[in-house]
Amino acid sequence: MDLTGIISVSGMGGLFKVVTQTRNGLMIESLLDGKRLPVFASHKISALEDISIYGLQDDIPLKEVFAGIKTGNQASLPGPNATSAEIANAFAEFVPNFDDSRVYNSDMKKVFTWYQILESKGMLEAKDEDKSAEEAGTAVSEKVTKPKTAPKAKAAPKNTTAKASSKGMAKTTTVRKTGG
């Protein structure tokens, strides 16, 4: 599960993917409808990979919260019209060690909404670490098997104090005091 480049923008519903960086801000694409729009420095932007939930001992990264929801009972996900008690009970089922005095129902509902958006787009699929390790191994072996070329000899530095030549090197002059 890779949350890199997925952001939430305050005041705009849903999640967005960063397309490119512009001079004034970012160009983003909505995960809901695919529309592209600019966001500027005045918008409050939060990257999903940086968000965490208050826990009883340590903060819980959002990635781990999504993993807990994915491994849990998907039938107990609350719907959009669920009551605050239903949302709190479902969140406690998926993330048992969260701090219920500092995590609000609006935060829990937002996490469930984000999970459903990412799940519908297939962005929560776990990547095989074996495949990535295999690919990294072949990349390393390819680097090792490439023949190395001898480094090029560096040219001797030019003498910059020499007189100007016909090759365009300018003559250096000193500043002289004129008039008195």
Foldseek 3Di string as FASTA:
>chain_A
DDQPQKKDWPPDDAIWGFDAADPFGTWIAGLPPGDIDGDGPVIDMDRLQPDFAAFPPHTHRLLQLLVLCVPDDVVLQDDPPDDLVSLVVSSCNSPVGGDPVPQGSVNSSSSSVRSVSCVVVVNSDDDDPVVVVVVVVVVVVVVVPDDDDDDDDDDDDDDLQDADDPPPRDGDDDDDDDDD
